[in-house]
């Protein structure tokens, strides 16, 4: 379509309805309510009849989006398909109701209309009386699109005001399926059957000091399930414990919308939440119990955070995630058993922990037993300790310093020489009378200041270089530490286990008296280990893939 020719015809008195064009339409409603659906059907019927009633126009089937907001074009499939078809040259002109049908974003409206014009396609925003084929359309479009965008902002403010008024009038907003409550017409009433579960959760957590996973299993064993008949999700229990509604409090301002156009939200710190007792919310648990449960929850969370930082948490214990139950294919979890004799660290199959001995026959493993077996295996791998120590020391001697102080010091000395040459030239200029004494003093003082800074940096670098240099005494200390480490006299090194151990598989034949394990190393394996608890001894035999000098490491 020749836009310049059409604009010339429009200036000469012809209307857009008189020009031969292939015309389509775009219709959209922002919700899927019945009245909006009817409105959409009316739009489709109206534009179909309008286009077909114009003799000069050829009808092209329209594009329709249902129940989608106009704030963004990202999820409007029909709209985006229409743009693609326009670029493919399938029509010349689009009719739509108003600019807010196209988009309430100024940026989107202008960008898409300009993009369409570049491909020879015009748009008529009927209610706004804007035809992008008119020469002044872009200016009018900017004004009208700006108004539409401001309408979105006002709508956002009106919604917030409406929320505040609803809360003031005792209407409870938020989740309509809150566990323990029935909600009708924004009024909460206690569902006693579900409330029984909520009270049980708070009792188990605050009074009996159970962990959340244990609570989930206990509820399931007692016959309490989710609405779908499953065990309670851990996340659901956390939300129940932390929701102030259960003690009869209102809670809001947990998040804020950063941009009303993108609807991007940020979650606020608890100190910024708005919370207060609300008579319209019936409490399920006493306030004192809720506060005690949440104090415990926060304390446990802080303890967990103190010990974990991303991947560091998984490596806190060398056997974490590395002990596998052959019977169920699940991992063993760490547990600390307390008695009068003290604490003992053990590892138990997850199925056993959740459902008891009847569900899993795998015995628990003591960390001391695992360390004993790993020390025996490492002892076999490191039989020639002296050769290993010598190799490590040789590597340390050959590794260059991480920081090349020599090059930096040389660079500073070159700068000092250059400044000294400038000072000499400056003195010559003063003697020859080229510059005054005052100018000489000012510039010379500047050079002296630069030299003082550089000399300070050089001294600091020399000190660092001296500190990083490995002396023979330091190398001897490293050698002694390595020999001590490889003797395994002070128990097994956790870092060594983490580095070398891949996994330990607890075999199905294991019993409380005798453990049968497959120990896989990252460098080979597996080692077949049998641990006799009565004798506190073991034997481990490497597989054919990995055979150290001695095949028996009986202790």
Protein backbone atom coordinates (compact mmCIF):
# COMPACT_ATOMS: atom_id res chain seq x y z
CA UNK A 1 0.00 0.00 0.00
CA UNK A 2 1.32 3.43 -0.95
CA UNK A 3 0.83 5.50 2.21
CA UNK A 4 1.94 8.80 0.59
CA UNK A 5 -0.64 8.38 -2.18
CA UNK A 6 -3.42 7.61 0.32
CA UNK A 7 -2.51 10.63 2.46
CA UNK A 8 -2.68 12.80 -0.66
CA UNK A 9 -6.15 11.46 -1.47
CA UNK A 10 -7.31 12.09 2.11
CA UNK A 11 -6.10 15.72 1.89
CA UNK A 12 -8.06 16.12 -1.36
CA UNK A 13 -11.34 15.27 0.38
CA UNK A 14 -11.70 11.50 -0.01
CA UNK A 15 -12.51 9.50 3.11
CA UNK A 16 -10.77 6.32 4.23
CA UNK A 17 -14.00 4.42 3.44
CA UNK A 18 -13.72 5.37 -0.26
CA UNK A 19 -10.19 4.01 -0.76
CA UNK A 20 -9.79 0.37 -1.95
CA UNK A 21 -8.23 -1.49 0.98
CA UNK A 22 -8.01 -4.98 2.46
CA UNK A 23 -9.38 -4.38 5.96
CA UNK A 24 -9.40 -6.45 9.16
CA UNK A 25 -10.20 -5.69 12.81
CA UNK A 26 -8.81 -6.33 16.29
CA UNK A 27 -11.06 -6.94 19.30
CA UNK A 28 -10.12 -7.63 22.92
CA UNK A 29 -11.67 -7.74 26.38
CA UNK A 30 -9.58 -7.75 29.57
CA UNK A 31 -11.63 -10.27 31.58
CA UNK A 32 -13.56 -13.45 30.82
CA UNK A 33 -16.77 -12.43 32.60
CA UNK A 34 -20.06 -13.04 30.82
CA UNK A 35 -20.78 -9.37 30.18
CA UNK A 36 -17.32 -8.92 28.67
CA UNK A 37 -17.73 -12.00 26.48
CA UNK A 38 -20.98 -10.53 25.18
CA UNK A 39 -19.18 -7.26 24.55
CA UNK A 40 -16.55 -9.14 22.55
CA UNK A 41 -19.20 -10.89 20.44
CA UNK A 42 -20.80 -7.54 19.78
CA UNK A 43 -17.45 -6.05 18.69
CA UNK A 44 -16.82 -8.94 16.28
CA UNK A 45 -20.31 -8.66 14.76
CA UNK A 46 -20.12 -4.87 14.49
CA UNK A 47 -16.74 -4.74 12.75
CA UNK A 48 -17.54 -7.63 10.42
CA UNK A 49 -20.73 -5.89 9.24
CA UNK A 50 -19.00 -2.48 9.04
CA UNK A 51 -16.15 -3.71 6.84
CA UNK A 52 -18.42 -5.77 4.60
CA UNK A 53 -20.78 -2.80 4.13
CA UNK A 54 -18.09 -0.68 2.44
CA UNK A 55 -17.95 -1.36 -1.32
CA UNK A 56 -14.33 -0.27 -1.59
CA UNK A 57 -13.14 -2.53 1.17
CA UNK A 58 -12.25 -6.23 1.04
CA UNK A 59 -12.98 -8.07 4.30
CA UNK A 60 -10.17 -9.98 6.01
CA UNK A 61 -11.17 -12.11 9.05
CA UNK A 62 -10.40 -10.32 12.30
CA UNK A 63 -8.19 -11.08 15.32
CA UNK A 64 -9.63 -11.63 18.81
CA UNK A 65 -8.06 -11.93 22.29
CA UNK A 66 -10.22 -12.93 25.28
CA UNK A 67 -9.63 -12.22 28.97
CA UNK A 68 -6.20 -10.64 28.56
CA UNK A 69 -5.03 -7.29 29.98
CA UNK A 70 -4.01 -4.50 27.66
CA UNK A 71 -1.10 -3.41 29.87
CA UNK A 72 1.33 -5.59 27.95
CA UNK A 73 1.29 -7.30 24.55
CA UNK A 74 3.49 -10.23 25.60
CA UNK A 75 0.69 -12.80 26.08
CA UNK A 76 -1.78 -11.62 23.43
CA UNK A 77 -1.42 -14.38 20.88
CA UNK A 78 -3.95 -13.04 18.34
CA UNK A 79 -2.49 -9.53 18.53
CA UNK A 80 1.02 -10.79 17.86
CA UNK A 81 -0.26 -13.01 15.03
CA UNK A 82 -1.97 -9.94 13.53
CA UNK A 83 1.33 -8.01 13.60
CA UNK A 84 3.09 -10.92 11.88
CA UNK A 85 0.36 -11.13 9.20
CA UNK A 86 0.60 -7.40 8.62
CA UNK A 87 4.31 -7.69 7.96
CA UNK A 88 3.53 -10.54 5.57
CA UNK A 89 1.28 -8.18 3.56
CA UNK A 90 -2.06 -9.97 4.18
CA UNK A 91 -4.06 -6.76 4.74
CA UNK A 92 -3.74 -2.95 4.46
CA UNK A 93 -5.82 -1.53 7.30
CA UNK A 94 -6.89 -2.44 10.87
CA UNK A 95 -9.95 -1.13 12.72
CA UNK A 96 -10.12 -1.33 16.51
CA UNK A 97 -12.38 0.24 19.10
CA UNK A 98 -9.95 2.50 20.92
CA UNK A 99 -6.30 2.90 21.73
CA UNK A 100 -6.70 0.99 25.01
CA UNK A 101 -7.72 -2.09 22.96
CA UNK A 102 -4.36 -1.95 21.22
CA UNK A 103 -2.36 -1.33 24.41
CA UNK A 104 -2.48 0.83 27.53
CA UNK A 105 1.28 1.24 27.28
CA UNK A 106 2.38 4.37 25.44
CA UNK A 107 5.56 2.65 24.36
CA UNK A 108 3.72 -0.38 22.94
CA UNK A 109 1.08 1.69 21.13
CA UNK A 110 3.53 3.96 19.36
CA UNK A 111 5.99 1.21 18.61
CA UNK A 112 3.43 -1.10 17.02
CA UNK A 113 1.66 1.59 14.99
CA UNK A 114 5.01 2.83 13.66
CA UNK A 115 6.03 -0.73 12.90
CA UNK A 116 2.77 -1.31 11.02
CA UNK A 117 3.21 1.91 9.02
CA UNK A 118 6.72 0.82 8.02
CA UNK A 119 5.05 -2.25 6.45
CA UNK A 120 2.35 -0.22 4.74
CA UNK A 121 -0.48 -0.95 7.22
CA UNK A 122 -2.64 1.73 8.83
CA UNK A 123 -4.80 1.61 11.98
CA UNK A 124 -8.10 3.32 12.77
CA UNK A 125 -8.78 3.81 16.51
CA UNK A 126 -12.49 4.43 16.03
CA UNK A 127 -13.63 5.91 19.35
CA UNK A 128 -10.51 8.08 19.61
CA UNK A 129 -10.91 9.25 15.97
CA UNK A 130 -7.26 8.53 15.17
CA UNK A 131 -6.32 7.22 11.74
CA UNK A 132 -2.59 6.51 11.54
CA UNK A 133 -2.73 7.20 7.78
CA UNK A 134 -3.40 10.87 8.62
CA UNK A 135 -0.23 12.97 8.69
CA UNK A 136 -0.92 14.31 12.21
CA UNK A 137 -1.80 10.91 13.66
CA UNK A 138 1.45 10.32 15.50
CA UNK A 139 1.11 13.46 17.61
CA UNK A 140 -2.49 12.62 18.48
CA UNK A 141 -1.50 9.03 19.21
CA UNK A 142 1.14 10.14 21.72
CA UNK A 143 -1.43 12.25 23.57
CA UNK A 144 -4.13 9.57 23.60
CA UNK A 145 -1.74 6.73 24.48
CA UNK A 146 -0.43 8.81 27.37
CA UNK A 147 -3.98 9.21 28.64
CA UNK A 148 -4.57 5.46 28.36
CA UNK A 149 -1.37 4.71 30.28
CA UNK A 150 -2.34 7.13 33.04
CA UNK A 151 -5.67 5.32 33.26
CA UNK A 152 -3.79 2.14 34.20
CA UNK A 153 -2.01 4.01 36.98
CA UNK A 154 -5.30 5.44 38.25
CA UNK A 155 -6.88 1.99 38.12
CA UNK A 156 -4.03 0.63 40.23
CA UNK A 157 -4.54 3.40 42.78
CA UNK A 158 -8.30 2.83 42.81
CA UNK A 159 -7.79 -0.88 43.49
CA UNK A 160 -5.47 -0.11 46.41
CA UNK A 161 -8.02 2.34 47.82
CA UNK A 162 -10.74 -0.29 47.41
CA UNK A 163 -8.65 -2.84 49.29
CA UNK A 164 -8.13 -0.42 52.16
CA UNK A 165 -11.84 0.38 52.35
CA UNK A 166 -12.78 -3.32 52.26
CA UNK A 167 -10.41 -4.04 55.14
CA UNK A 168 -11.77 -1.05 57.08
CA UNK A 169 -15.29 -2.45 56.64
CA UNK A 170 -14.27 -5.85 58.05
CA UNK A 171 -13.95 -7.71 54.75
CA UNK A 172 -11.13 -10.25 54.71
CA UNK A 173 -9.19 -10.24 51.44
CA UNK A 174 -6.68 -12.75 50.11
CA UNK A 175 -6.74 -16.52 49.76
CA UNK A 176 -10.25 -18.00 49.38
CA UNK A 177 -8.98 -21.50 50.25
CA UNK A 178 -7.15 -20.79 53.50
CA UNK A 179 -6.78 -24.05 55.44
CA UNK A 180 -8.95 -24.09 58.56
CA UNK A 181 -11.41 -21.47 57.32
CA UNK A 182 -14.44 -21.18 55.08
CA UNK A 183 -14.77 -17.89 53.24
CA UNK A 184 -17.97 -16.41 51.87
CA UNK A 185 -18.61 -12.79 50.85
CA UNK A 186 -15.17 -11.83 52.24
CA UNK A 187 -16.08 -13.18 55.70
CA UNK A 188 -14.07 -15.94 57.39
CA UNK A 189 -15.60 -18.65 59.55
CA UNK A 190 -13.74 -21.50 61.20
CA UNK A 191 -13.96 -24.92 59.55
CA UNK A 192 -13.66 -27.11 62.66
CA UNK A 193 -12.55 -30.22 60.78
CA UNK A 194 -9.63 -28.40 59.17
CA UNK A 195 -8.96 -26.24 62.24
CA UNK A 196 -8.19 -29.44 64.15
CA UNK A 197 -5.21 -29.99 61.83
CA UNK A 198 -3.99 -26.40 62.30
CA UNK A 199 -4.07 -26.76 66.10
CA UNK A 200 -2.25 -30.09 65.84
CA UNK A 201 0.50 -28.53 63.71
CA UNK A 202 1.12 -25.74 66.24
CA UNK A 203 1.09 -28.23 69.13
CA UNK A 204 3.60 -30.57 67.46
CA UNK A 205 5.89 -27.72 66.48
CA UNK A 206 5.81 -25.41 69.52
CA UNK A 207 5.06 -27.83 72.36
CA UNK A 208 6.64 -31.07 71.17
CA UNK A 209 9.53 -29.39 69.29
CA UNK A 210 9.03 -31.52 66.16
CA UNK A 211 10.61 -30.61 62.83
CA UNK A 212 8.37 -29.77 59.88
CA UNK A 213 9.09 -32.97 57.92
CA UNK A 214 8.36 -35.06 61.01
CA UNK A 215 5.09 -33.16 61.48
CA UNK A 216 4.07 -33.99 57.90
CA UNK A 217 4.63 -37.71 58.50
CA UNK A 218 2.93 -37.63 61.92
CA UNK A 219 -0.18 -35.99 60.46
CA UNK A 220 -0.29 -38.57 57.69
CA UNK A 221 0.06 -41.43 60.19
CA UNK A 222 -2.78 -39.94 62.25
CA UNK A 223 -5.03 -39.85 59.20
CA UNK A 224 -4.82 -36.12 58.44
CA UNK A 225 -4.30 -35.44 54.72
CA UNK A 226 -4.48 -32.52 52.33
CA UNK A 227 -7.63 -31.78 50.35
CA UNK A 228 -6.26 -34.07 47.63
CA UNK A 229 -5.67 -36.94 50.06
CA UNK A 230 -1.86 -36.60 50.17
CA UNK A 231 0.54 -35.97 53.04
CA UNK A 232 0.81 -32.29 53.94
CA UNK A 233 3.41 -30.50 51.89
CA UNK A 234 6.30 -29.08 53.93
CA UNK A 235 5.73 -25.67 52.35
CA UNK A 236 2.05 -25.76 53.36
CA UNK A 237 2.98 -26.42 56.99
CA UNK A 238 5.46 -23.54 56.92
CA UNK A 239 2.79 -21.19 55.57
CA UNK A 240 0.34 -22.29 58.26
CA UNK A 241 2.90 -21.71 61.01
CA UNK A 242 3.79 -18.24 59.74
CA UNK A 243 0.31 -16.92 58.87
CA UNK A 244 -0.87 -14.40 61.54
CA UNK A 245 -4.52 -15.00 60.59
CA UNK A 246 -4.45 -18.16 62.71
CA UNK A 247 -4.04 -16.03 65.85
CA UNK A 248 -6.70 -13.58 64.64
CA UNK A 249 -4.41 -10.90 63.20
CA UNK A 250 -4.60 -9.01 59.94
CA UNK A 251 -1.37 -8.98 57.92
CA UNK A 252 -0.68 -6.93 54.78
CA UNK A 253 2.05 -5.06 52.93
CA UNK A 254 4.12 -8.23 52.51
CA UNK A 255 4.92 -7.14 48.96
CA UNK A 256 4.69 -4.03 46.83
CA UNK A 257 4.24 -3.51 43.10
CA UNK A 258 7.34 -1.76 41.79
CA UNK A 259 5.93 -1.01 38.33
CA UNK A 260 2.18 -0.90 37.69
CA UNK A 261 2.83 -1.59 33.99
CA UNK A 262 4.92 -4.75 34.34
CA UNK A 263 3.20 -5.67 37.66
CA UNK A 264 6.61 -6.64 39.03
CA UNK A 265 6.52 -7.17 42.80
CA UNK A 266 9.16 -7.19 45.52
CA UNK A 267 8.73 -8.93 48.89
CA UNK A 268 9.29 -6.67 51.87
CA UNK A 269 11.11 -7.36 55.11
CA UNK A 270 8.90 -8.46 57.99
CA UNK A 271 9.62 -5.16 59.78
CA UNK A 272 7.63 -3.39 57.01
CA UNK A 273 4.53 -5.62 57.24
CA UNK A 274 1.29 -4.13 58.53
CA UNK A 275 -0.05 -6.38 61.32
CA UNK A 276 -2.68 -5.86 64.01
CA UNK A 277 -5.43 -7.83 65.83
CA UNK A 278 -8.54 -7.98 63.61
CA UNK A 279 -11.95 -8.79 65.19
CA UNK A 280 -13.25 -9.94 61.79
CA UNK A 281 -10.71 -12.84 61.73
CA UNK A 282 -11.60 -15.64 64.17
CA UNK A 283 -8.47 -17.08 65.83
CA UNK A 284 -7.83 -20.84 65.59
CA UNK A 285 -4.85 -20.96 68.00
CA UNK A 286 -4.05 -18.77 71.04
CA UNK A 287 -1.85 -15.77 70.36
CA UNK A 288 0.72 -16.99 72.89
CA UNK A 289 1.06 -20.36 71.11
CA UNK A 290 1.40 -18.70 67.70
CA UNK A 291 4.08 -16.31 68.99
CA UNK A 292 6.00 -19.16 70.63
CA UNK A 293 5.88 -21.26 67.44
CA UNK A 294 7.13 -18.35 65.32
CA UNK A 295 9.90 -17.48 67.76
CA UNK A 296 11.06 -21.10 67.48
CA UNK A 297 10.73 -20.99 63.68
CA UNK A 298 12.88 -17.86 63.44
CA UNK A 299 15.46 -19.29 65.83
CA UNK A 300 15.74 -22.50 63.82
CA UNK A 301 15.96 -20.53 60.56
CA UNK A 302 18.82 -18.44 61.94
CA UNK A 303 20.65 -21.55 63.10
CA UNK A 304 20.23 -23.09 59.67
CA UNK A 305 21.44 -19.92 57.93
CA UNK A 306 24.47 -19.77 60.22
CA UNK A 307 25.58 -23.17 58.96
CA UNK A 308 24.69 -22.89 55.33
CA UNK A 309 25.64 -20.68 52.45
CA UNK A 310 24.50 -22.17 49.15
CA UNK A 311 26.63 -25.19 48.27
CA UNK A 312 28.58 -24.92 51.53
CA UNK A 313 25.61 -26.42 53.37
CA UNK A 314 25.81 -29.62 51.37
CA UNK A 315 29.51 -29.97 52.15
CA UNK A 316 29.21 -29.22 55.84
CA UNK A 317 29.30 -32.95 56.62
CA UNK A 318 31.55 -35.11 54.40
CA UNK A 319 28.98 -37.92 54.07
CA UNK A 320 25.98 -35.66 53.28
CA UNK A 321 24.13 -36.95 50.23
CA UNK A 322 26.73 -39.68 49.66
CA UNK A 323 25.20 -42.63 51.57
CA UNK A 324 22.58 -44.48 49.50
CA UNK A 325 20.11 -47.19 50.55
CA UNK A 326 20.22 -49.96 47.93
CA UNK A 327 16.74 -51.14 48.96
CA UNK A 328 14.98 -47.83 48.22
CA UNK A 329 17.51 -45.78 46.27
CA UNK A 330 17.13 -42.94 48.79
CA UNK A 331 19.86 -41.07 50.64
CA UNK A 332 20.74 -41.37 54.33
CA UNK A 333 20.16 -38.33 56.55
CA UNK A 334 22.29 -37.23 59.46
CA UNK A 335 21.00 -37.62 63.01
CA UNK A 336 22.63 -36.89 66.38
CA UNK A 337 21.75 -39.39 69.13
CA UNK A 338 22.09 -38.09 72.68
CA UNK A 339 22.71 -40.26 75.74
CA UNK A 340 24.45 -40.06 79.10
CA UNK A 341 27.65 -41.15 77.38
CA UNK A 342 27.46 -38.15 75.06
CA UNK A 343 26.42 -37.50 71.46
CA UNK A 344 26.88 -39.85 68.51
CA UNK A 345 26.49 -38.89 64.86
CA UNK A 346 24.61 -41.51 62.83
CA UNK A 347 23.15 -41.77 59.33
CA UNK A 348 19.67 -43.21 58.69
CA UNK A 349 17.77 -44.02 55.50
CA UNK A 350 15.18 -41.35 54.73
CA UNK A 351 12.45 -43.99 54.40
CA UNK A 352 13.34 -45.37 57.85
CA UNK A 353 13.31 -41.88 59.36
CA UNK A 354 9.89 -41.10 57.90
CA UNK A 355 8.12 -44.44 58.35
CA UNK A 356 10.08 -46.50 60.84
CA UNK A 357 11.87 -49.87 60.85
CA UNK A 358 8.95 -51.71 59.25
CA UNK A 359 9.45 -49.65 56.07
CA UNK A 360 13.24 -50.10 55.72
CA UNK A 361 15.59 -52.82 56.97
CA UNK A 362 18.81 -50.89 56.37
CA UNK A 363 20.72 -50.37 59.65
CA UNK A 364 21.92 -46.94 60.71
CA UNK A 365 25.60 -46.12 60.16
CA UNK A 366 27.85 -44.42 62.69
CA UNK A 367 30.19 -41.73 61.41
CA UNK A 368 33.02 -43.25 63.46
CA UNK A 369 32.58 -46.55 61.60
CA UNK A 370 32.62 -44.83 58.22
CA UNK A 371 35.74 -42.87 59.20
CA UNK A 372 37.44 -46.08 60.28
CA UNK A 373 36.76 -47.75 56.92
CA UNK A 374 37.72 -44.66 54.91
CA UNK A 375 41.00 -44.35 56.84
CA UNK A 376 41.77 -47.99 55.99
CA UNK A 377 41.10 -47.41 52.30
CA UNK A 378 43.12 -44.20 52.19
CA UNK A 379 45.95 -45.94 54.01
CA UNK A 380 46.09 -48.46 51.14
CA UNK A 381 45.92 -45.70 48.52
CA UNK A 382 48.71 -43.73 50.17
CA UNK A 383 51.15 -46.53 51.02
CA UNK A 384 54.15 -44.63 49.70
CA UNK A 385 53.50 -41.56 51.84
CA UNK A 386 56.95 -40.14 51.40
CA UNK A 387 56.61 -40.13 47.61
CA UNK A 388 53.30 -38.26 47.90
CA UNK A 389 54.76 -35.69 50.31
CA UNK A 390 57.80 -35.12 48.09
CA UNK A 391 55.55 -34.67 45.04
CA UNK A 392 53.38 -32.07 46.80
CA UNK A 393 56.39 -30.09 48.06
CA UNK A 394 57.93 -30.15 44.57
CA UNK A 395 54.72 -28.76 43.10
CA UNK A 396 54.61 -25.99 45.71
CA UNK A 397 58.19 -25.02 44.92
CA UNK A 398 57.52 -24.90 41.19
CA UNK A 399 54.28 -22.90 41.38
CA UNK A 400 55.00 -19.22 40.70
CA UNK A 401 53.62 -16.57 43.02
CA UNK A 402 50.05 -15.64 42.27
CA UNK A 403 51.10 -12.00 42.18
CA UNK A 404 54.01 -10.88 40.00
CA UNK A 405 55.49 -8.29 42.37
CA UNK A 406 58.73 -8.09 40.36
CA UNK A 407 57.01 -6.70 37.29
CA UNK A 408 55.02 -4.15 39.30
CA UNK A 409 58.13 -2.99 41.16
CA UNK A 410 60.02 -2.62 37.87
CA UNK A 411 57.15 -0.56 36.43
CA UNK A 412 57.21 1.78 39.46
CA UNK A 413 60.97 2.21 39.17
CA UNK A 414 60.57 3.16 35.50
CA UNK A 415 58.03 5.81 36.52
CA UNK A 416 60.41 7.13 39.19
CA UNK A 417 63.22 7.41 36.60
CA UNK A 418 60.91 9.30 34.22
CA UNK A 419 59.90 11.77 36.94
CA UNK A 420 63.55 12.28 37.95
CA UNK A 421 64.37 13.13 34.32
CA UNK A 422 61.54 15.69 34.32
CA UNK A 423 62.92 17.22 37.52
CA UNK A 424 66.38 17.53 35.98
CA UNK A 425 64.94 19.23 32.90
CA UNK A 426 62.88 21.55 35.12
CA UNK A 427 66.03 22.60 36.97
CA UNK A 428 67.79 23.36 33.68
CA UNK A 429 64.83 25.53 32.58
CA UNK A 430 65.00 27.45 35.86
CA UNK A 431 68.77 28.04 35.55
CA UNK A 432 68.30 29.23 31.94
CA UNK A 433 65.58 31.65 33.07
CA UNK A 434 62.86 30.01 30.97
CA UNK A 435 60.59 29.71 34.02
CA UNK A 436 60.36 31.75 37.22
CA UNK A 437 61.50 30.50 40.58
CA UNK A 438 57.90 30.36 41.82
CA UNK A 439 56.83 28.19 38.89
CA UNK A 440 59.89 25.97 39.38
CA UNK A 441 59.03 25.45 43.05
CA UNK A 442 55.37 24.66 42.32
CA UNK A 443 56.11 22.09 39.60
CA UNK A 444 59.06 20.56 41.49
CA UNK A 445 56.91 20.07 44.59
CA UNK A 446 54.35 18.27 42.42
CA UNK A 447 57.01 15.90 41.08
CA UNK A 448 58.30 15.26 44.62
CA UNK A 449 54.79 14.38 45.78
CA UNK A 450 54.38 11.86 42.92
CA UNK A 451 57.75 10.28 43.76
CA UNK A 452 56.84 9.94 47.45
CA UNK A 453 53.63 8.06 46.56
CA UNK A 454 55.43 5.75 44.13
CA UNK A 455 58.23 5.02 46.61
CA UNK A 456 55.60 4.11 49.22
CA UNK A 457 53.93 1.69 46.81
CA UNK A 458 57.30 0.13 45.94
CA UNK A 459 58.14 -0.43 49.60
CA UNK A 460 54.73 -2.04 50.21
CA UNK A 461 55.13 -4.37 47.21
CA UNK A 462 58.60 -5.43 48.34
CA UNK A 463 57.20 -6.27 51.78
CA UNK A 464 54.37 -8.32 50.23
CA UNK A 465 56.81 -10.17 47.97
CA UNK A 466 58.98 -11.04 50.96
CA UNK A 467 55.98 -12.24 52.96
CA UNK A 468 54.74 -14.51 50.13
CA UNK A 469 58.13 -16.10 49.49
CA UNK A 470 58.19 -19.69 50.73
CA UNK A 471 61.22 -20.21 52.92
CA UNK A 472 62.83 -23.62 53.53
CA UNK A 473 61.41 -23.52 57.06
CA UNK A 474 57.89 -23.02 55.72
CA UNK A 475 58.29 -25.90 53.28
CA UNK A 476 59.43 -28.15 56.14
CA UNK A 477 56.31 -27.19 58.10
CA UNK A 478 54.16 -28.13 55.09
CA UNK A 479 56.02 -31.42 54.73
CA UNK A 480 55.46 -32.30 58.41
CA UNK A 481 51.76 -31.43 58.19
CA UNK A 482 51.31 -33.62 55.11
CA UNK A 483 53.04 -36.56 56.74
CA UNK A 484 50.83 -36.20 59.81
CA UNK A 485 47.69 -35.95 57.63
CA UNK A 486 48.51 -39.05 55.63
CA UNK A 487 49.19 -41.11 58.76
CA UNK A 488 45.47 -40.80 59.71
CA UNK A 489 46.53 -40.84 63.36
CA UNK A 490 44.17 -37.96 64.22
CA UNK A 491 41.10 -39.57 62.57
CA UNK A 492 40.10 -39.09 58.97
CA UNK A 493 40.23 -35.65 57.34
CA UNK A 494 36.76 -34.43 56.33
CA UNK A 495 38.08 -32.49 53.36
CA UNK A 496 39.83 -35.62 52.11
CA UNK A 497 36.58 -37.62 52.33
CA UNK A 498 34.65 -34.88 50.52
CA UNK A 499 37.27 -34.72 47.76
CA UNK A 500 37.78 -38.44 47.12
CA UNK A 501 34.53 -40.19 48.15
CA UNK A 502 31.80 -40.46 45.51
CA UNK A 503 29.16 -42.54 47.37
CA UNK A 504 28.58 -45.36 49.84
CA UNK A 505 25.87 -47.90 48.95
CA UNK A 506 24.37 -49.81 51.90
CA UNK A 507 23.67 -53.29 50.52
CA UNK A 508 20.38 -55.15 51.11
CA UNK A 509 22.12 -57.90 53.11
CA UNK A 510 23.30 -55.51 55.82
CA UNK A 511 22.20 -56.22 59.38
CA UNK A 512 22.54 -54.52 62.71
CA UNK A 513 25.51 -56.80 63.50
CA UNK A 514 27.27 -56.75 60.09
CA UNK A 515 27.38 -53.99 57.50
CA UNK A 516 27.87 -54.72 53.79
CA UNK A 517 28.87 -51.64 51.80
CA UNK A 518 30.00 -50.69 48.31
CA UNK A 519 32.34 -47.70 48.66
CA UNK A 520 32.81 -45.81 45.39
CA UNK A 521 35.74 -43.41 45.05
CA UNK A 522 35.93 -40.68 42.44
CA UNK A 523 39.24 -42.20 41.33
CA UNK A 524 37.87 -45.72 41.00
CA UNK A 525 36.07 -48.51 42.80
CA UNK A 526 33.90 -49.78 44.20
CA UNK A 527 35.52 -51.22 47.30
CA UNK A 528 33.52 -54.04 48.87
CA UNK A 529 33.57 -53.50 52.64
CA UNK A 530 32.23 -55.74 55.41
CA UNK A 531 32.15 -54.27 58.92
CA UNK A 532 31.80 -56.58 61.94
CA UNK A 533 30.34 -54.47 64.74
CA UNK A 534 30.96 -57.06 67.46
CA UNK A 535 34.70 -57.07 66.73
CA UNK A 536 34.74 -53.43 65.56
CA UNK A 537 36.80 -54.56 62.56
CA UNK A 538 36.35 -54.60 58.83
CA UNK A 539 37.80 -55.91 55.63
CA UNK A 540 37.59 -54.14 52.31
CA UNK A 541 38.39 -55.57 48.90
CA UNK A 542 38.77 -53.33 45.84
CA UNK A 543 37.15 -54.31 42.56
CA UNK A 544 39.16 -55.29 39.49
CA UNK A 545 38.80 -51.77 38.06
CA UNK A 546 40.81 -50.36 40.93
CA UNK A 547 43.45 -52.54 42.59
CA UNK A 548 45.92 -50.99 45.08
CA UNK A 549 49.06 -52.96 46.04
CA UNK A 550 47.32 -54.83 48.89
CA UNK A 551 43.83 -56.20 48.47
CA UNK A 552 43.03 -56.64 52.17
CA UNK A 553 42.85 -53.75 54.59
CA UNK A 554 41.59 -55.66 57.61
CA UNK A 555 41.75 -53.63 60.81
